[in-house]
Amino acid sequence: MEKRRKLKIIKSNADRIVGLLKDIDIDSVDLQHAARDIWMRKVVSD
């Protein structure tokens, strides 16, 4: 009889980000601009 082993999959942070963004229909340049705009609003409001 074989013992069953648990398989643990370790994902990198990059894999997690890709998983979060996989359903978003936006190109990388627009995504970078949106991130910059969010960052700027946060910096200015502090």
C-alpha atoms as a PDB file:
ATOM      1  CA  MET A   1       0.000   0.000   0.000  1.00  0.00           C
ATOM      2  CA  GLU A   2       1.368   3.433  -0.980  1.00  0.00           C
ATOM      3  CA  LYS A   3       1.440   6.383   1.367  1.00  0.00           C
ATOM      4  CA  ARG A   4      -0.178   9.512   0.038  1.00  0.00           C
ATOM      5  CA  ARG A   5       1.928  12.623   0.203  1.00  0.00           C
ATOM      6  CA  LYS A   6       0.699  16.167   0.345  1.00  0.00           C
ATOM      7  CA  LEU A   7       1.978  18.302  -2.468  1.00  0.00           C
ATOM      8  CA  LYS A   8       2.759  21.839  -1.422  1.00  0.00           C
ATOM      9  CA  ILE A   9       2.976  24.349  -4.250  1.00  0.00           C
ATOM     10  CA  ILE A  10       4.958  27.445  -3.406  1.00  0.00           C
ATOM     11  CA  LYS A  11       4.168  30.399  -5.618  1.00  0.00           C
ATOM     12  CA  SER A  12       6.268  33.497  -5.974  1.00  0.00           C
ATOM     13  CA  ASN A  13       4.863  36.966  -5.425  1.00  0.00           C
ATOM     14  CA  ALA A  14       4.972  37.484  -9.193  1.00  0.00           C
ATOM     15  CA  ASP A  15       2.772  34.401  -9.692  1.00  0.00           C
ATOM     16  CA  ARG A  16       0.296  35.755  -7.164  1.00  0.00           C
ATOM     17  CA  ILE A  17       0.126  39.124  -8.924  1.00  0.00           C
ATOM     18  CA  VAL A  18      -0.408  37.433 -12.285  1.00  0.00           C
ATOM     19  CA  GLY A  19      -3.227  35.428 -10.716  1.00  0.00           C
ATOM     20  CA  LEU A  20      -4.892  38.580  -9.412  1.00  0.00           C
ATOM     21  CA  LEU A  21      -4.600  40.411 -12.730  1.00  0.00           C
ATOM     22  CA  LYS A  22      -5.384  37.562 -15.142  1.00  0.00           C
ATOM     23  CA  ASP A  23      -9.004  38.628 -15.704  1.00  0.00           C
ATOM     24  CA  ILE A  24      -8.283  42.337 -16.089  1.00  0.00           C
ATOM     25  CA  ASP A  25      -8.333  43.524 -19.679  1.00  0.00           C
ATOM     26  CA  ILE A  26      -5.743  46.317 -19.600  1.00  0.00           C
ATOM     27  CA  ASP A  27      -2.324  46.582 -21.189  1.00  0.00           C
ATOM     28  CA  SER A  28       0.824  47.026 -19.119  1.00  0.00           C
ATOM     29  CA  VAL A  29       1.314  50.705 -20.001  1.00  0.00           C
ATOM     30  CA  ASP A  30      -2.219  51.634 -18.928  1.00  0.00           C
ATOM     31  CA  LEU A  31      -1.762  49.588 -15.759  1.00  0.00           C
ATOM     32  CA  GLN A  32       1.482  51.426 -14.964  1.00  0.00           C
ATOM     33  CA  HIS A  33      -0.194  54.799 -15.535  1.00  0.00           C
ATOM     34  CA  ALA A  34      -3.105  53.848 -13.285  1.00  0.00           C
ATOM     35  CA  ALA A  35      -0.702  52.714 -10.552  1.00  0.00           C
ATOM     36  CA  ARG A  36       1.234  55.995 -10.866  1.00  0.00           C
ATOM     37  CA  ASP A  37      -1.992  58.019 -10.610  1.00  0.00           C
ATOM     38  CA  ILE A  38      -3.067  56.124  -7.472  1.00  0.00           C
ATOM     39  CA  TRP A  39       0.395  56.589  -5.940  1.00  0.00           C
ATOM     40  CA  MET A  40       0.382  60.319  -6.745  1.00  0.00           C
ATOM     41  CA  ARG A  41      -3.049  60.822  -5.145  1.00  0.00           C
ATOM     42  CA  LYS A  42      -1.805  59.045  -2.019  1.00  0.00           C
ATOM     43  CA  VAL A  43       1.418  61.095  -1.841  1.00  0.00           C
ATOM     44  CA  VAL A  44      -0.373  64.404  -2.379  1.00  0.00           C
ATOM     45  CA  SER A  45      -3.055  63.637   0.227  1.00  0.00           C
ATOM     46  CA  ASP A  46      -0.515  62.865   2.989  1.00  0.00           C
END
